[in-house]
Structures are given as structure tokens and as C-alpha cells.
C-alpha atoms as a PDB file:
ATOM      1  CA  UNK A   1      97.661 140.225  85.597  1.00  0.00           C
ATOM      2  CA  UNK A   2      99.826 138.202  88.234  1.00  0.00           C
ATOM      3  CA  UNK A   3      99.159 138.606  92.093  1.00  0.00           C
ATOM      4  CA  UNK A   4     102.102 139.747  93.998  1.00  0.00           C
ATOM      5  CA  UNK A   5     102.700 137.004  96.491  1.00  0.00           C
ATOM      6  CA  UNK A   6     103.815 137.631  99.997  1.00  0.00           C
ATOM      7  CA  UNK A   7     104.443 136.221 103.577  1.00  0.00           C
ATOM      8  CA  UNK A   8     103.965 132.476 103.794  1.00  0.00           C
ATOM      9  CA  UNK A   9     103.022 130.664 107.024  1.00  0.00           C
ATOM     10  CA  UNK A  10     102.156 127.216 108.369  1.00  0.00           C
ATOM     11  CA  UNK A  11      98.741 127.278 110.396  1.00  0.00           C
ATOM     12  CA  UNK A  12      98.557 123.756 111.367  1.00  0.00           C
ATOM     13  CA  UNK A  13     100.726 120.823 110.964  1.00  0.00           C
ATOM     14  CA  UNK A  14      99.244 117.344 111.168  1.00  0.00           C
ATOM     15  CA  UNK A  15     100.366 113.821 110.383  1.00  0.00           C
ATOM     16  CA  UNK A  16      99.562 113.833 106.709  1.00  0.00           C
ATOM     17  CA  UNK A  17      98.281 117.349 106.073  1.00  0.00           C
ATOM     18  CA  UNK A  18      99.727 120.837 106.670  1.00  0.00           C
ATOM     19  CA  UNK A  19      97.395 123.927 106.430  1.00  0.00           C
ATOM     20  CA  UNK A  20      99.129 126.882 105.057  1.00  0.00           C
ATOM     21  CA  UNK A  21      98.533 130.254 104.043  1.00  0.00           C
ATOM     22  CA  UNK A  22     100.035 132.833 101.493  1.00  0.00           C
ATOM     23  CA  UNK A  23      99.426 136.644 101.639  1.00  0.00           C
ATOM     24  CA  UNK A  24      98.919 138.385  98.230  1.00  0.00           C
ATOM     25  CA  UNK A  25      97.898 141.500  96.935  1.00  0.00           C
ATOM     26  CA  UNK A  26      94.602 141.178  94.718  1.00  0.00           C
ATOM     27  CA  UNK A  27      94.057 142.963  91.440  1.00  0.00           C
ATOM     28  CA  UNK A  28      93.150 146.061  93.264  1.00  0.00           C
ATOM     29  CA  UNK A  29      96.142 146.052  95.341  1.00  0.00           C
ATOM     30  CA  UNK A  30      94.317 144.957  98.671  1.00  0.00           C
ATOM     31  CA  UNK A  31      96.522 142.466 100.874  1.00  0.00           C
ATOM     32  CA  UNK A  32      94.416 139.232 101.064  1.00  0.00           C
ATOM     33  CA  UNK A  33      95.254 135.621 102.481  1.00  0.00           C
ATOM     34  CA  UNK A  34      94.650 132.339 100.733  1.00  0.00           C
ATOM     35  CA  UNK A  35      94.488 129.146 102.933  1.00  0.00           C
ATOM     36  CA  UNK A  36      95.532 125.985 101.320  1.00  0.00           C
ATOM     37  CA  UNK A  37      96.616 122.298 102.109  1.00  0.00           C
ATOM     38  CA  UNK A  38      99.898 120.737 101.574  1.00  0.00           C
ATOM     39  CA  UNK A  39     100.455 116.969 101.686  1.00  0.00           C
ATOM     40  CA  UNK A  40     102.289 114.356  99.408  1.00  0.00           C
ATOM     41  CA  UNK A  41     101.646 114.277  95.878  1.00  0.00           C
ATOM     42  CA  UNK A  42      99.028 111.671  94.680  1.00  0.00           C
ATOM     43  CA  UNK A  43      99.568 108.897  92.261  1.00  0.00           C
ATOM     44  CA  UNK A  44      96.541 107.373  90.510  1.00  0.00           C
ATOM     45  CA  UNK A  45      96.169 104.509  87.930  1.00  0.00           C
ATOM     46  CA  UNK A  46      93.599 103.576  85.491  1.00  0.00           C
ATOM     47  CA  UNK A  47      93.993  99.764  84.959  1.00  0.00           C
ATOM     48  CA  UNK A  48      92.345  98.381  81.921  1.00  0.00           C
ATOM     49  CA  UNK A  49      92.024  94.841  81.496  1.00  0.00           C
ATOM     50  CA  UNK A  50      92.355  92.859  78.258  1.00  0.00           C
ATOM     51  CA  UNK A  51      88.596  92.365  77.979  1.00  0.00           C
ATOM     52  CA  UNK A  52      88.194  96.297  78.105  1.00  0.00           C
ATOM     53  CA  UNK A  53      87.054  96.713  81.870  1.00  0.00           C
ATOM     54  CA  UNK A  54      88.404  99.352  84.307  1.00  0.00           C
ATOM     55  CA  UNK A  55      89.508  97.842  87.551  1.00  0.00           C
ATOM     56  CA  UNK A  56      88.269 100.416  90.002  1.00  0.00           C
ATOM     57  CA  UNK A  57      87.994 100.638  93.706  1.00  0.00           C
ATOM     58  CA  UNK A  58      84.854 101.293  95.805  1.00  0.00           C
ATOM     59  CA  UNK A  59      86.481 103.120  98.949  1.00  0.00           C
ATOM     60  CA  UNK A  60      84.943 104.416 101.975  1.00  0.00           C
ATOM     61  CA  UNK A  61      85.863 108.054 102.591  1.00  0.00           C
ATOM     62  CA  UNK A  62      85.460 109.353 105.973  1.00  0.00           C
ATOM     63  CA  UNK A  63      85.388 113.098 105.075  1.00  0.00           C
ATOM     64  CA  UNK A  64      82.537 112.710 102.746  1.00  0.00           C
ATOM     65  CA  UNK A  65      80.939 109.797 104.868  1.00  0.00           C
ATOM     66  CA  UNK A  66      80.173 107.737 101.848  1.00  0.00           C
ATOM     67  CA  UNK A  67      81.660 105.324  99.622  1.00  0.00           C
ATOM     68  CA  UNK A  68      83.583 106.714  96.384  1.00  0.00           C
ATOM     69  CA  UNK A  69      84.288 104.872  93.080  1.00  0.00           C
ATOM     70  CA  UNK A  70      88.027 105.743  92.404  1.00  0.00           C
ATOM     71  CA  UNK A  71      91.065 104.586  90.606  1.00  0.00           C
ATOM     72  CA  UNK A  72      93.518 102.853  92.641  1.00  0.00           C
ATOM     73  CA  UNK A  73      95.612 105.663  94.030  1.00  0.00           C
ATOM     74  CA  UNK A  74      97.862 106.650  97.022  1.00  0.00           C
ATOM     75  CA  UNK A  75     100.382 109.222  98.210  1.00  0.00           C
ATOM     76  CA  UNK A  76     103.993 109.671  97.300  1.00  0.00           C
ATOM     77  CA  UNK A  77     105.133 109.060 101.017  1.00  0.00           C
ATOM     78  CA  UNK A  78     108.006 106.731 100.612  1.00  0.00           C
ATOM     79  CA  UNK A  79     111.313 108.187 100.575  1.00  0.00           C
ATOM     80  CA  UNK A  80     113.195 107.457  97.318  1.00  0.00           C
ATOM     81  CA  UNK A  81     110.260 105.748  95.729  1.00  0.00           C
ATOM     82  CA  UNK A  82     109.461 106.699  91.915  1.00  0.00           C
ATOM     83  CA  UNK A  83     106.004 107.576  90.903  1.00  0.00           C
ATOM     84  CA  UNK A  84     106.056 104.330  88.897  1.00  0.00           C
ATOM     85  CA  UNK A  85     107.230 102.201  91.888  1.00  0.00           C
ATOM     86  CA  UNK A  86     104.443 104.044  93.987  1.00  0.00           C
ATOM     87  CA  UNK A  87     101.640 103.171  91.398  1.00  0.00           C
ATOM     88  CA  UNK A  88     102.684  99.410  91.105  1.00  0.00           C
ATOM     89  CA  UNK A  89     102.699  99.143  95.062  1.00  0.00           C
ATOM     90  CA  UNK A  90      99.305 100.689  95.228  1.00  0.00           C
ATOM     91  CA  UNK A  91      97.844  98.881  92.424  1.00  0.00           C
ATOM     92  CA  UNK A  92      98.813  95.486  93.881  1.00  0.00           C
ATOM     93  CA  UNK A  93      97.759  96.652  97.296  1.00  0.00           C
ATOM     94  CA  UNK A  94      94.415  97.890  96.329  1.00  0.00           C
ATOM     95  CA  UNK A  95      93.297  95.668  93.412  1.00  0.00           C
ATOM     96  CA  UNK A  96      95.706  92.541  93.608  1.00  0.00           C
ATOM     97  CA  UNK A  97      96.740  93.343  90.067  1.00  0.00           C
ATOM     98  CA  UNK A  98     100.106  93.716  88.597  1.00  0.00           C
ATOM     99  CA  UNK A  99     100.462  95.434  85.199  1.00  0.00           C
ATOM    100  CA  UNK A 100     103.074  94.755  82.396  1.00  0.00           C
ATOM    101  CA  UNK A 101     102.794  98.080  81.056  1.00  0.00           C
ATOM    102  CA  UNK A 102     102.553 101.649  82.348  1.00  0.00           C
ATOM    103  CA  UNK A 103     101.783 104.837  80.601  1.00  0.00           C
ATOM    104  CA  UNK A 104     102.414 107.980  82.414  1.00  0.00           C
ATOM    105  CA  UNK A 105     100.062 110.967  81.909  1.00  0.00           C
ATOM    106  CA  UNK A 106     100.943 114.642  82.536  1.00  0.00           C
ATOM    107  CA  UNK A 107     100.314 115.589  86.048  1.00  0.00           C
ATOM    108  CA  UNK A 108      97.370 117.868  87.024  1.00  0.00           C
ATOM    109  CA  UNK A 109      96.523 120.032  90.076  1.00  0.00           C
ATOM    110  CA  UNK A 110      94.937 117.841  93.039  1.00  0.00           C
ATOM    111  CA  UNK A 111      92.379 120.814  93.827  1.00  0.00           C
ATOM    112  CA  UNK A 112      94.055 123.916  92.682  1.00  0.00           C
ATOM    113  CA  UNK A 113      91.918 126.189  94.723  1.00  0.00           C
ATOM    114  CA  UNK A 114      92.557 124.187  98.194  1.00  0.00           C
ATOM    115  CA  UNK A 115      95.748 122.309  97.630  1.00  0.00           C
ATOM    116  CA  UNK A 116      99.230 123.036  95.965  1.00  0.00           C
ATOM    117  CA  UNK A 117      99.870 119.162  95.167  1.00  0.00           C
ATOM    118  CA  UNK A 118      99.691 117.430  91.845  1.00  0.00           C
ATOM    119  CA  UNK A 119      98.378 114.178  90.842  1.00  0.00           C
ATOM    120  CA  UNK A 120     100.363 111.855  88.685  1.00  0.00           C
ATOM    121  CA  UNK A 121      98.488 109.432  86.636  1.00  0.00           C
ATOM    122  CA  UNK A 122      98.892 106.339  84.808  1.00  0.00           C
ATOM    123  CA  UNK A 123      97.278 103.748  82.373  1.00  0.00           C
ATOM    124  CA  UNK A 124      98.021 100.386  83.213  1.00  0.00           C
ATOM    125  CA  UNK A 125      97.357  97.271  80.883  1.00  0.00           C
ATOM    126  CA  UNK A 126      98.644  93.848  80.775  1.00  0.00           C
ATOM    127  CA  UNK A 127      96.970  93.222  84.089  1.00  0.00           C
ATOM    128  CA  UNK A 128      97.646  89.878  86.043  1.00  0.00           C
ATOM    129  CA  UNK A 129      95.781  89.090  89.242  1.00  0.00           C
ATOM    130  CA  UNK A 130      98.327  88.202  91.693  1.00  0.00           C
ATOM    131  CA  UNK A 131      96.689  88.338  95.017  1.00  0.00           C
ATOM    132  CA  UNK A 132      93.567  89.359  97.029  1.00  0.00           C
ATOM    133  CA  UNK A 133      93.497  92.887  97.990  1.00  0.00           C
ATOM    134  CA  UNK A 134      95.513  93.741 101.095  1.00  0.00           C
ATOM    135  CA  UNK A 135      94.661  97.126 102.087  1.00  0.00           C
ATOM    136  CA  UNK A 136      95.134  98.453 105.662  1.00  0.00           C
ATOM    137  CA  UNK A 137      92.957  98.937 108.648  1.00  0.00           C
ATOM    138  CA  UNK A 138      92.106 102.448 107.740  1.00  0.00           C
ATOM    139  CA  UNK A 139      90.694 101.258 104.442  1.00  0.00           C
ATOM    140  CA  UNK A 140      87.375  99.825 103.465  1.00  0.00           C
ATOM    141  CA  UNK A 141      87.849  98.847  99.722  1.00  0.00           C
ATOM    142  CA  UNK A 142      86.456  96.392  97.416  1.00  0.00           C
ATOM    143  CA  UNK A 143      87.360  95.998  93.767  1.00  0.00           C
ATOM    144  CA  UNK A 144      84.864  96.537  91.007  1.00  0.00           C
ATOM    145  CA  UNK A 145      85.523  95.836  87.311  1.00  0.00           C
ATOM    146  CA  UNK A 146      83.545  98.135  85.242  1.00  0.00           C
ATOM    147  CA  UNK A 147      83.156  97.861  81.282  1.00  0.00           C
ATOM    148  CA  UNK A 148      84.861 100.825  79.753  1.00  0.00           C
ATOM    149  CA  UNK A 149      81.596 101.937  77.701  1.00  0.00           C
ATOM    150  CA  UNK A 150      79.777 101.943  81.175  1.00  0.00           C
ATOM    151  CA  UNK A 151      82.112 104.562  83.137  1.00  0.00           C
ATOM    152  CA  UNK A 152      79.868 107.558  82.091  1.00  0.00           C
ATOM    153  CA  UNK A 153      76.807 105.827  83.495  1.00  0.00           C
ATOM    154  CA  UNK A 154      78.601 105.017  86.801  1.00  0.00           C
ATOM    155  CA  UNK A 155      78.698 108.737  87.233  1.00  0.00           C
ATOM    156  CA  UNK A 156      75.591 109.898  85.884  1.00  0.00           C
ATOM    157  CA  UNK A 157      73.488 107.346  87.691  1.00  0.00           C
ATOM    158  CA  UNK A 158      75.221 106.297  90.646  1.00  0.00           C
ATOM    159  CA  UNK A 159      74.109 103.685  93.113  1.00  0.00           C
ATOM    160  CA  UNK A 160      72.544 105.371  96.251  1.00  0.00           C
ATOM    161  CA  UNK A 161      74.994 107.181  98.690  1.00  0.00           C
ATOM    162  CA  UNK A 162      77.877 106.395  96.351  1.00  0.00           C
ATOM    163  CA  UNK A 163      79.997 108.981  94.672  1.00  0.00           C
ATOM    164  CA  UNK A 164      82.112 108.844  91.615  1.00  0.00           C
ATOM    165  CA  UNK A 165      85.537 110.328  90.828  1.00  0.00           C
ATOM    166  CA  UNK A 166      85.205 112.142  87.541  1.00  0.00           C
ATOM    167  CA  UNK A 167      88.947 111.856  86.875  1.00  0.00           C
ATOM    168  CA  UNK A 168      88.463 108.355  85.859  1.00  0.00           C
ATOM    169  CA  UNK A 169      86.623 109.775  82.760  1.00  0.00           C
ATOM    170  CA  UNK A 170      89.548 112.067  81.890  1.00  0.00           C
ATOM    171  CA  UNK A 171      92.061 109.099  82.325  1.00  0.00           C
ATOM    172  CA  UNK A 172      89.897 107.001  79.939  1.00  0.00           C
ATOM    173  CA  UNK A 173      89.751 109.589  77.419  1.00  0.00           C
ATOM    174  CA  UNK A 174      93.429 109.832  77.640  1.00  0.00           C
ATOM    175  CA  UNK A 175      93.934 106.093  76.920  1.00  0.00           C
ATOM    176  CA  UNK A 176      91.495 106.359  74.050  1.00  0.00           C
ATOM    177  CA  UNK A 177      93.468 109.623  72.490  1.00  0.00           C
ATOM    178  CA  UNK A 178      96.860 107.516  73.076  1.00  0.00           C
ATOM    179  CA  UNK A 179      95.439 104.544  71.401  1.00  0.00           C
ATOM    180  CA  UNK A 180      95.689 102.412  74.232  1.00  0.00           C
ATOM    181  CA  UNK A 181      91.790 101.413  73.979  1.00  0.00           C
ATOM    182  CA  UNK A 182      89.139 102.432  71.350  1.00  0.00           C
ATOM    183  CA  UNK A 183      86.339 104.388  72.581  1.00  0.00           C
ATOM    184  CA  UNK A 184      83.385 102.173  73.744  1.00  0.00           C
ATOM    185  CA  UNK A 185      80.007 102.940  73.909  1.00  0.00           C
ATOM    186  CA  UNK A 186      77.449 101.272  76.113  1.00  0.00           C
END
């Protein structure tokens, strides 16, 4: 059963986020309205060092009022910039690393119940430290290197008041499935 979609409208337009709504007829035929956000798509990368560590960022996130362990990531917000160019830029800005090899993963929904945007992921290898992290005034980021076999522990046994982005584990499993790395156990 597919819902019948109706009128779409913009409820709020901000600097980075638009709040939209779409009318639809539910399974019983009743008219409903779904609210969701719209922003630029997200690019994310799981950088893996030659000694089998994930290069992650610990980033303070204002909406959750905590630090979150994440992959280096950003928005596709520069006109004419490809996803690969954007992820190279974000990787350097947030970690100080460059990668000699990037493997693109299939895109996945950002948060399908609340956003219409996609995440485009990459696995990065052949890392070389070029500079210290730059970031900008709106970011409080530190770089952490985590042995691949310890990633699940970081989620299941987090530091106090630190959250973990589980997409990291999916990206790691993709790297294992693609033969980029072997699965490592703690």
C-alpha cells in the first residue's frame, strides 16, 4: 500500500534547515500531515589507519548537549563540489589527515522519519597526517584513534555523558565485507 501524497509546504526556513510538511492520505483514507526537515545531504568517512585504527572525532553537539563520537562528516554545502571532494575537505579539516584511497558506500537515509536527506559514506585508507585539525568557531572537536576491534565497546560501554554514532559500526562492517580490512576482535 502506498500513501497518496498531497500538498507540500514550507513551515520554516532557517540558515541551514528547512521545516517542511507533506499532506498524505493514510491507509484508511484519512488526510494526515507529516513534518520533516530538509537540509543539504551529509557526507561521512570512516578513516582507517595502516595499523587498523579508526580515526574518529569527539564533537560537542549543542542539540544533545553532549560530546558525540562520530566519523568525520559534513554537509554537501559548497556549490559544484562532488561528494569525494567534500569528504576530502572534511577529513582534512576535522582530523588533519589526507587519504590516498576512498571507497564510496551506497547512500542511506539520514533519519527517514524526520528528514528527507541522505548520507553518503566513504571508507578512507592510505592515511597521512598533514596538519593539526582546523575546525571552525562553532566546533569543539578532538581526534581519537580507536583500534577497530574496540569500536563496539565504545558504543556499549561509553564514557560518562559521551554518545556514540552507531553508523560507525555499519561502515566498519562494510569495510570488512568489501575486504578493505579484516574483522578484528578485542
